[in-house]
PDB file of N, CA and C in Angstrom:
ATOM      1  N   ALA A   1       0.842  -1.176   0.000  1.00  0.00           N
ATOM      2  CA  ALA A   1       0.000   0.000   0.000  1.00  0.00           C
ATOM      3  C   ALA A   1       0.887   1.239   0.000  1.00  0.00           C
ATOM      4  N   TYR A   2       0.384   2.259  -0.579  1.00  0.00           N
ATOM      5  CA  TYR A   2       1.116   3.521  -0.656  1.00  0.00           C
ATOM      6  C   TYR A   2       0.684   4.449   0.464  1.00  0.00           C
ATOM      7  N   ASP A   3       1.634   5.203   0.973  1.00  0.00           N
ATOM      8  CA  ASP A   3       1.353   6.204   1.990  1.00  0.00           C
ATOM      9  C   ASP A   3       1.207   7.534   1.275  1.00  0.00           C
ATOM     10  N   PHE A   4       0.032   8.118   1.335  1.00  0.00           N
ATOM     11  CA  PHE A   4      -0.174   9.384   0.644  1.00  0.00           C
ATOM     12  C   PHE A   4      -0.997  10.316   1.503  1.00  0.00           C
ATOM     13  N   GLY A   5      -0.907  11.569   1.196  1.00  0.00           N
ATOM     14  CA  GLY A   5      -1.640  12.587   1.945  1.00  0.00           C
ATOM     15  C   GLY A   5      -1.822  13.799   1.055  1.00  0.00           C
ATOM     16  N   GLU A   6      -1.832  14.932   1.667  1.00  0.00           N
ATOM     17  CA  GLU A   6      -1.978  16.166   0.903  1.00  0.00           C
ATOM     18  C   GLU A   6      -0.759  16.378   0.007  1.00  0.00           C
ATOM     19  N   ILE A   7      -0.998  16.925  -1.160  1.00  0.00           N
ATOM     20  CA  ILE A   7       0.089  17.208  -2.093  1.00  0.00           C
ATOM     21  C   ILE A   7       0.851  18.438  -1.628  1.00  0.00           C
ATOM     22  N   ASP A   8       2.168  18.315  -1.616  1.00  0.00           N
ATOM     23  CA  ASP A   8       3.036  19.460  -1.336  1.00  0.00           C
ATOM     24  C   ASP A   8       3.250  20.163  -2.674  1.00  0.00           C
ATOM     25  N   TRP A   9       2.466  21.197  -2.933  1.00  0.00           N
ATOM     26  CA  TRP A   9       2.471  21.850  -4.239  1.00  0.00           C
ATOM     27  C   TRP A   9       3.800  22.520  -4.552  1.00  0.00           C
ATOM     28  N   ASP A  10       4.496  23.013  -3.534  1.00  0.00           N
ATOM     29  CA  ASP A  10       5.819  23.600  -3.777  1.00  0.00           C
ATOM     30  C   ASP A  10       6.780  22.539  -4.317  1.00  0.00           C
ATOM     31  N   GLU A  11       6.774  21.382  -3.682  1.00  0.00           N
ATOM     32  CA  GLU A  11       7.623  20.288  -4.148  1.00  0.00           C
ATOM     33  C   GLU A  11       7.190  19.834  -5.541  1.00  0.00           C
ATOM     34  N   PHE A  12       5.894  19.738  -5.766  1.00  0.00           N
ATOM     35  CA  PHE A  12       5.365  19.324  -7.063  1.00  0.00           C
ATOM     36  C   PHE A  12       5.881  20.229  -8.172  1.00  0.00           C
ATOM     37  N   TRP A  13       5.773  21.532  -7.993  1.00  0.00           N
ATOM     38  CA  TRP A  13       6.187  22.469  -9.040  1.00  0.00           C
ATOM     39  C   TRP A  13       7.702  22.511  -9.194  1.00  0.00           C
ATOM     40  N   GLN A  14       8.441  22.247  -8.117  1.00  0.00           N
ATOM     41  CA  GLN A  14       9.900  22.143  -8.254  1.00  0.00           C
ATOM     42  C   GLN A  14      10.262  20.966  -9.158  1.00  0.00           C
ATOM     43  N   VAL A  15       9.583  19.850  -8.973  1.00  0.00           N
ATOM     44  CA  VAL A  15       9.831  18.672  -9.803  1.00  0.00           C
ATOM     45  C   VAL A  15       9.443  18.958 -11.249  1.00  0.00           C
ATOM     46  N   VAL A  16       8.302  19.590 -11.466  1.00  0.00           N
ATOM     47  CA  VAL A  16       7.860  19.920 -12.823  1.00  0.00           C
ATOM     48  C   VAL A  16       8.878  20.824 -13.516  1.00  0.00           C
ATOM     49  N   LYS A  17       9.468  21.740 -12.759  1.00  0.00           N
ATOM     50  CA  LYS A  17      10.453  22.670 -13.328  1.00  0.00           C
ATOM     51  C   LYS A  17      11.825  22.029 -13.513  1.00  0.00           C
ATOM     52  N   GLY A  18      11.976  20.758 -13.148  1.00  0.00           N
ATOM     53  CA  GLY A  18      13.230  20.053 -13.376  1.00  0.00           C
ATOM     54  C   GLY A  18      14.149  19.991 -12.184  1.00  0.00           C
ATOM     55  N   ASP A  19      13.659  20.297 -11.012  1.00  0.00           N
ATOM     56  CA  ASP A  19      14.502  20.273  -9.823  1.00  0.00           C
ATOM     57  C   ASP A  19      14.061  19.160  -8.885  1.00  0.00           C
ATOM     58  N   GLY A  20      13.723  18.021  -9.466  1.00  0.00           N
ATOM     59  CA  GLY A  20      13.247  16.907  -8.662  1.00  0.00           C
ATOM     60  C   GLY A  20      14.375  15.994  -8.225  1.00  0.00           C
ATOM     61  N   PRO A  21      14.025  14.980  -7.435  1.00  0.00           N
ATOM     62  CA  PRO A  21      15.039  14.031  -6.990  1.00  0.00           C
ATOM     63  C   PRO A  21      15.602  13.262  -8.187  1.00  0.00           C
ATOM     64  N   CYS A  22      16.896  13.105  -8.216  1.00  0.00           N
ATOM     65  CA  CYS A  22      17.602  12.345  -9.260  1.00  0.00           C
ATOM     66  C   CYS A  22      17.579  13.013 -10.636  1.00  0.00           C
ATOM     67  N   ASN A  23      17.115  14.240 -10.747  1.00  0.00           N
ATOM     68  CA  ASN A  23      17.038  14.870 -12.057  1.00  0.00           C
ATOM     69  C   ASN A  23      18.415  15.043 -12.681  1.00  0.00           C
ATOM     70  N   ARG A  24      19.379  15.502 -11.893  1.00  0.00           N
ATOM     71  CA  ARG A  24      20.732  15.695 -12.438  1.00  0.00           C
ATOM     72  C   ARG A  24      21.320  14.360 -12.902  1.00  0.00           C
ATOM     73  N   GLU A  25      21.107  13.309 -12.100  1.00  0.00           N
ATOM     74  CA  GLU A  25      21.620  11.989 -12.462  1.00  0.00           C
ATOM     75  C   GLU A  25      20.939  11.482 -13.730  1.00  0.00           C
ATOM     76  N   ARG A  26      19.631  11.693 -13.840  1.00  0.00           N
ATOM     77  CA  ARG A  26      18.893  11.244 -15.019  1.00  0.00           C
ATOM     78  C   ARG A  26      19.393  11.963 -16.269  1.00  0.00           C
ATOM     79  N   LEU A  27      19.568  13.282 -16.161  1.00  0.00           N
ATOM     80  CA  LEU A  27      20.047  14.042 -17.312  1.00  0.00           C
ATOM     81  C   LEU A  27      21.475  13.655 -17.684  1.00  0.00           C
ATOM     82  N   LYS A  28      22.313  13.397 -16.685  1.00  0.00           N
ATOM     83  CA  LYS A  28      23.685  12.980 -16.977  1.00  0.00           C
ATOM     84  C   LYS A  28      23.678  11.640 -17.704  1.00  0.00           C
ATOM     85  N   ALA A  29      22.847  10.717 -17.271  1.00  0.00           N
ATOM     86  CA  ALA A  29      22.767   9.409 -17.924  1.00  0.00           C
ATOM     87  C   ALA A  29      22.299   9.556 -19.367  1.00  0.00           C
ATOM     88  N   ARG A  30      21.322  10.416 -19.600  1.00  0.00           N
ATOM     89  CA  ARG A  30      20.836  10.630 -20.969  1.00  0.00           C
ATOM     90  C   ARG A  30      21.904  11.278 -21.839  1.00  0.00           C
ATOM     91  N   ASN A  31      22.609  12.272 -21.298  1.00  0.00           N
ATOM     92  CA  ASN A  31      23.670  12.930 -22.058  1.00  0.00           C
ATOM     93  C   ASN A  31      24.814  11.964 -22.356  1.00  0.00           C
ATOM     94  N   ASP A  32      25.169  11.135 -21.382  1.00  0.00           N
ATOM     95  CA  ASP A  32      26.218  10.139 -21.606  1.00  0.00           C
ATOM     96  C   ASP A  32      25.802   9.155 -22.698  1.00  0.00           C
ATOM     97  N   ALA A  33      24.559   8.705 -22.659  1.00  0.00           N
ATOM     98  CA  ALA A  33      24.066   7.779 -23.679  1.00  0.00           C
ATOM     99  C   ALA A  33      24.085   8.442 -25.054  1.00  0.00           C
ATOM    100  N   TRP A  34      23.719   9.706 -25.129  1.00  0.00           N
ATOM    101  CA  TRP A  34      23.745  10.441 -26.399  1.00  0.00           C
ATOM    102  C   TRP A  34      25.179  10.521 -26.925  1.00  0.00           C
ATOM    103  N   ASP A  35      26.107  10.857 -26.050  1.00  0.00           N
ATOM    104  CA  ASP A  35      27.509  10.968 -26.457  1.00  0.00           C
ATOM    105  C   ASP A  35      28.066   9.619 -26.914  1.00  0.00           C
ATOM    106  N   LYS A  36      27.754   8.563 -26.174  1.00  0.00           N
ATOM    107  CA  LYS A  36      28.255   7.232 -26.530  1.00  0.00           C
ATOM    108  C   LYS A  36      27.611   6.702 -27.810  1.00  0.00           C
ATOM    109  N   GLY A  37      26.436   7.201 -28.161  1.00  0.00           N
ATOM    110  CA  GLY A  37      25.750   6.757 -29.370  1.00  0.00           C
ATOM    111  C   GLY A  37      26.094   7.568 -30.603  1.00  0.00           C
ATOM    112  N   ALA A  38      27.017   8.512 -30.482  1.00  0.00           N
ATOM    113  CA  ALA A  38      27.367   9.374 -31.620  1.00  0.00           C
ATOM    114  C   ALA A  38      27.878   8.547 -32.792  1.00  0.00           C
ATOM    115  N   TRP A  39      28.665   7.517 -32.532  1.00  0.00           N
ATOM    116  CA  TRP A  39      29.225   6.725 -33.628  1.00  0.00           C
ATOM    117  C   TRP A  39      28.128   6.015 -34.413  1.00  0.00           C
ATOM    118  N   VAL A  40      27.053   5.638 -33.746  1.00  0.00           N
ATOM    119  CA  VAL A  40      25.951   4.966 -34.435  1.00  0.00           C
ATOM    120  C   VAL A  40      25.263   5.944 -35.382  1.00  0.00           C
ATOM    121  N   ARG A  41      25.021   7.166 -34.895  1.00  0.00           N
ATOM    122  CA  ARG A  41      24.389   8.172 -35.752  1.00  0.00           C
ATOM    123  C   ARG A  41      25.282   8.521 -36.936  1.00  0.00           C
ATOM    124  N   GLU A  42      26.590   8.657 -36.679  1.00  0.00           N
ATOM    125  CA  GLU A  42      27.525   8.965 -37.762  1.00  0.00           C
ATOM    126  C   GLU A  42      27.563   7.836 -38.790  1.00  0.00           C
ATOM    127  N   ALA A  43      27.558   6.599 -38.327  1.00  0.00           N
ATOM    128  CA  ALA A  43      27.571   5.450 -39.229  1.00  0.00           C
ATOM    129  C   ALA A  43      26.290   5.393 -40.053  1.00  0.00           C
ATOM    130  N   ALA A  44      25.160   5.708 -39.451  1.00  0.00           N
ATOM    131  CA  ALA A  44      23.886   5.694 -40.172  1.00  0.00           C
ATOM    132  C   ALA A  44      23.875   6.755 -41.270  1.00  0.00           C
ATOM    133  N   VAL A  45      24.418   7.929 -40.973  1.00  0.00           N
ATOM    134  CA  VAL A  45      24.489   8.994 -41.984  1.00  0.00           C
ATOM    135  C   VAL A  45      25.417   8.570 -43.121  1.00  0.00           C
ATOM    136  N   ALA A  46      26.573   8.012 -42.782  1.00  0.00           N
ATOM    137  CA  ALA A  46      27.524   7.567 -43.801  1.00  0.00           C
ATOM    138  C   ALA A  46      26.905   6.481 -44.675  1.00  0.00           C
ATOM    139  N   TYR A  47      26.190   5.549 -44.066  1.00  0.00           N
ATOM    140  CA  TYR A  47      25.537   4.482 -44.825  1.00  0.00           C
ATOM    141  C   TYR A  47      24.481   5.052 -45.766  1.00  0.00           C
ATOM    142  N   ALA A  48      23.688   5.992 -45.268  1.00  0.00           N
ATOM    143  CA  ALA A  48      22.648   6.600 -46.103  1.00  0.00           C
ATOM    144  C   ALA A  48      23.269   7.350 -47.281  1.00  0.00           C
ATOM    145  N   GLU A  49      24.368   8.060 -47.035  1.00  0.00           N
ATOM    146  CA  GLU A  49      25.038   8.779 -48.126  1.00  0.00           C
ATOM    147  C   GLU A  49      25.603   7.804 -49.153  1.00  0.00           C
ATOM    148  N   LYS A  50      26.210   6.734 -48.680  1.00  0.00           N
ATOM    149  CA  LYS A  50      26.782   5.729 -49.575  1.00  0.00           C
ATOM    150  C   LYS A  50      25.684   5.071 -50.409  1.00  0.00           C
ATOM    151  N   LYS A  51      24.581   4.754 -49.763  1.00  0.00           N
ATOM    152  CA  LYS A  51      23.452   4.130 -50.462  1.00  0.00           C
ATOM    153  C   LYS A  51      22.882   5.087 -51.504  1.00  0.00           C
ATOM    154  N   SER A  52      22.792   6.362 -51.156  1.00  0.00           N
ATOM    155  CA  SER A  52      22.282   7.373 -52.079  1.00  0.00           C
ATOM    156  C   SER A  52      23.208   7.517 -53.286  1.00  0.00           C
ATOM    157  N   GLN A  53      24.522   7.504 -53.054  1.00  0.00           N
ATOM    158  CA  GLN A  53      25.485   7.615 -54.154  1.00  0.00           C
ATOM    159  C   GLN A  53      25.395   6.411 -55.080  1.00  0.00           C
ATOM    160  N   ARG A  54      25.210   5.225 -54.522  1.00  0.00           N
ATOM    161  CA  ARG A  54      25.065   4.021 -55.348  1.00  0.00           C
ATOM    162  C   ARG A  54      23.819   4.113 -56.218  1.00  0.00           C
ATOM    163  N   LYS A  55      22.734   4.590 -55.618  1.00  0.00           N
ATOM    164  CA  LYS A  55      21.475   4.712 -56.351  1.00  0.00           C
ATOM    165  C   LYS A  55      21.630   5.714 -57.494  1.00  0.00           C
ATOM    166  N   GLU A  56      22.315   6.841 -57.232  1.00  0.00           N
ATOM    167  CA  GLU A  56      22.522   7.862 -58.256  1.00  0.00           C
ATOM    168  C   GLU A  56      23.418   7.342 -59.375  1.00  0.00           C
ATOM    169  N   SER A  57      24.429   6.538 -59.040  1.00  0.00           N
ATOM    170  CA  SER A  57      25.333   6.028 -60.076  1.00  0.00           C
ATOM    171  C   SER A  57      24.628   4.988 -60.950  1.00  0.00           C
ATOM    172  N   LYS A  58      23.664   4.263 -60.411  1.00  0.00           N
ATOM    173  CA  LYS A  58      22.899   3.302 -61.208  1.00  0.00           C
ATOM    174  C   LYS A  58      21.959   4.020 -62.166  1.00  0.00           C
ATOM    175  N   VAL A  59      21.413   5.162 -61.739  1.00  0.00           N
ATOM    176  CA  VAL A  59      20.481   5.930 -62.564  1.00  0.00           C
ATOM    177  C   VAL A  59      21.229   6.592 -63.711  1.00  0.00           C
ATOM    178  N   ALA A  60      22.430   7.057 -63.468  1.00  0.00           N
ATOM    179  CA  ALA A  60      23.196   7.802 -64.480  1.00  0.00           C
ATOM    180  C   ALA A  60      23.779   6.921 -65.542  1.00  0.00           C
TER     181      ALA A  60
END
């Protein structure tokens, strides 16, 4: 069972504005994942460009 009572509206709005518990850790984890995934995005762009060039050379 959950323990609940009156809503602390000050705390609620702090969380909504991004100042909640673990917010900094959550954002750091997301930023780290974005940085570590850069090679995947770069590879996808390179593959798309290569595929596009092949398609253009077949048409010409």
